[in-house]
Amino acid sequence: MALGFDPALYWSITPREMDALRKGAVRRLRREHDQMMAAAWWSGVIAKSQKTPPLERLLSREAQHRQTPEEKLAIVQQWASVAAKR
């Protein structure tokens, strides 16, 4: 399996446990990526390259969009609309 789990493990755990393992593996892979990119960035700084990109652009951090009150209201209205149709 791509995340490094034993395929036999799949049949011995619940879907919730598999999801927790998957999320943990994704966090581990992102952390490893960030460590490698930080090392590469520092290598560039040490070598005094002319145009070193900001480290933040190299890291895998997902941009977090904060919802405005209007966006939250629109989502709740969509939920209500779907619930009313059931």
C-alpha atoms as a PDB file:
ATOM      1  CA  MET A   1       0.000   0.000   0.000  1.00  0.00           C
ATOM      2  CA  ALA A   2       1.230   3.475  -0.851  1.00  0.00           C
ATOM      3  CA  LEU A   3       1.232   4.678   2.756  1.00  0.00           C
ATOM      4  CA  GLY A   4       3.434   1.833   3.935  1.00  0.00           C
ATOM      5  CA  PHE A   5       0.834  -0.327   5.699  1.00  0.00           C
ATOM      6  CA  ASP A   6       0.715  -4.114   5.576  1.00  0.00           C
ATOM      7  CA  PRO A   7      -2.205  -5.077   3.274  1.00  0.00           C
ATOM      8  CA  ALA A   8      -3.304  -7.707   5.822  1.00  0.00           C
ATOM      9  CA  LEU A   9      -3.852  -4.891   8.325  1.00  0.00           C
ATOM     10  CA  TYR A  10      -6.781  -3.651   6.222  1.00  0.00           C
ATOM     11  CA  TRP A  11      -8.878  -6.691   7.117  1.00  0.00           C
ATOM     12  CA  SER A  12      -8.159  -6.556  10.854  1.00  0.00           C
ATOM     13  CA  ILE A  13      -9.153  -2.967  11.690  1.00  0.00           C
ATOM     14  CA  THR A  14     -12.247  -0.810  11.429  1.00  0.00           C
ATOM     15  CA  PRO A  15     -12.701   1.894   8.782  1.00  0.00           C
ATOM     16  CA  ARG A  16     -12.321   4.537  11.510  1.00  0.00           C
ATOM     17  CA  GLU A  17      -8.996   3.042  12.583  1.00  0.00           C
ATOM     18  CA  MET A  18      -7.845   2.900   8.951  1.00  0.00           C
ATOM     19  CA  ASP A  19      -8.775   6.556   8.514  1.00  0.00           C
ATOM     20  CA  ALA A  20      -6.801   7.497  11.639  1.00  0.00           C
ATOM     21  CA  LEU A  21      -3.776   5.566  10.337  1.00  0.00           C
ATOM     22  CA  ARG A  22      -4.118   7.216   6.929  1.00  0.00           C
ATOM     23  CA  LYS A  23      -4.302  10.704   8.429  1.00  0.00           C
ATOM     24  CA  GLY A  24      -1.270   9.989  10.590  1.00  0.00           C
ATOM     25  CA  ALA A  25       0.698   8.740   7.588  1.00  0.00           C
ATOM     26  CA  VAL A  26      -0.216  11.843   5.587  1.00  0.00           C
ATOM     27  CA  ARG A  27       0.951  14.083   8.450  1.00  0.00           C
ATOM     28  CA  ARG A  28       4.198  12.094   8.656  1.00  0.00           C
ATOM     29  CA  LEU A  29       4.813  12.411   4.909  1.00  0.00           C
ATOM     30  CA  ARG A  30       4.144  16.164   4.998  1.00  0.00           C
ATOM     31  CA  ARG A  31       6.484  16.589   7.961  1.00  0.00           C
ATOM     32  CA  GLU A  32       9.210  14.627   6.122  1.00  0.00           C
ATOM     33  CA  HIS A  33       8.655  16.758   3.027  1.00  0.00           C
ATOM     34  CA  ASP A  34       8.914  19.939   5.071  1.00  0.00           C
ATOM     35  CA  GLN A  35      12.140  18.730   6.675  1.00  0.00           C
ATOM     36  CA  MET A  36      13.669  17.965   3.280  1.00  0.00           C
ATOM     37  CA  MET A  37      12.578  21.308   1.837  1.00  0.00           C
ATOM     38  CA  ALA A  38      13.949  23.163   4.876  1.00  0.00           C
ATOM     39  CA  ALA A  39      17.295  21.371   4.432  1.00  0.00           C
ATOM     40  CA  ALA A  40      17.343  22.299   0.745  1.00  0.00           C
ATOM     41  CA  TRP A  41      16.429  25.888   1.586  1.00  0.00           C
ATOM     42  CA  TRP A  42      19.204  26.162   4.142  1.00  0.00           C
ATOM     43  CA  SER A  43      21.634  24.659   1.614  1.00  0.00           C
ATOM     44  CA  GLY A  44      20.699  27.453  -0.753  1.00  0.00           C
ATOM     45  CA  VAL A  45      21.131  30.080   1.941  1.00  0.00           C
ATOM     46  CA  ILE A  46      24.482  28.692   2.955  1.00  0.00           C
ATOM     47  CA  ALA A  47      25.613  28.600  -0.655  1.00  0.00           C
ATOM     48  CA  LYS A  48      24.489  32.254  -0.892  1.00  0.00           C
ATOM     49  CA  SER A  49      22.450  31.744  -3.988  1.00  0.00           C
ATOM     50  CA  GLN A  50      21.232  34.921  -5.586  1.00  0.00           C
ATOM     51  CA  LYS A  51      17.497  34.171  -5.568  1.00  0.00           C
ATOM     52  CA  THR A  52      16.485  31.894  -2.700  1.00  0.00           C
ATOM     53  CA  PRO A  53      12.697  31.483  -2.558  1.00  0.00           C
ATOM     54  CA  PRO A  54      11.008  32.053   0.799  1.00  0.00           C
ATOM     55  CA  LEU A  55      10.900  28.834   2.787  1.00  0.00           C
ATOM     56  CA  GLU A  56       7.138  29.208   3.307  1.00  0.00           C
ATOM     57  CA  ARG A  57       6.607  28.776  -0.448  1.00  0.00           C
ATOM     58  CA  LEU A  58       8.433  25.437  -0.363  1.00  0.00           C
ATOM     59  CA  LEU A  59       6.601  23.914   2.590  1.00  0.00           C
ATOM     60  CA  SER A  60       3.482  21.811   2.111  1.00  0.00           C
ATOM     61  CA  ARG A  61       1.279  23.804   4.442  1.00  0.00           C
ATOM     62  CA  GLU A  62      -2.241  23.987   3.152  1.00  0.00           C
ATOM     63  CA  ALA A  63      -3.653  27.450   2.878  1.00  0.00           C
ATOM     64  CA  GLN A  64      -6.414  27.852   5.390  1.00  0.00           C
ATOM     65  CA  HIS A  65      -9.260  30.031   4.241  1.00  0.00           C
ATOM     66  CA  ARG A  66     -11.261  31.506   7.101  1.00  0.00           C
ATOM     67  CA  GLN A  67     -14.953  31.600   6.297  1.00  0.00           C
ATOM     68  CA  THR A  68     -16.706  34.910   6.475  1.00  0.00           C
ATOM     69  CA  PRO A  69     -20.039  35.131   8.316  1.00  0.00           C
ATOM     70  CA  GLU A  70     -21.753  35.417   4.924  1.00  0.00           C
ATOM     71  CA  GLU A  71     -20.126  32.190   3.705  1.00  0.00           C
ATOM     72  CA  LYS A  72     -21.142  30.381   6.899  1.00  0.00           C
ATOM     73  CA  LEU A  73     -24.739  31.582   6.507  1.00  0.00           C
ATOM     74  CA  ALA A  74     -24.816  30.430   2.866  1.00  0.00           C
ATOM     75  CA  ILE A  75     -23.613  26.953   3.892  1.00  0.00           C
ATOM     76  CA  VAL A  76     -26.238  26.666   6.637  1.00  0.00           C
ATOM     77  CA  GLN A  77     -28.922  27.750   4.177  1.00  0.00           C
ATOM     78  CA  GLN A  78     -27.765  25.059   1.731  1.00  0.00           C
ATOM     79  CA  TRP A  79     -27.944  22.440   4.492  1.00  0.00           C
ATOM     80  CA  ALA A  80     -31.427  23.595   5.420  1.00  0.00           C
ATOM     81  CA  SER A  81     -32.498  23.440   1.790  1.00  0.00           C
ATOM     82  CA  VAL A  82     -31.221  19.875   1.402  1.00  0.00           C
ATOM     83  CA  ALA A  83     -32.789  18.808   4.705  1.00  0.00           C
ATOM     84  CA  ALA A  84     -36.148  20.294   3.681  1.00  0.00           C
ATOM     85  CA  LYS A  85     -36.167  18.217   0.490  1.00  0.00           C
ATOM     86  CA  ARG A  86     -35.820  14.931   2.377  1.00  0.00           C
END
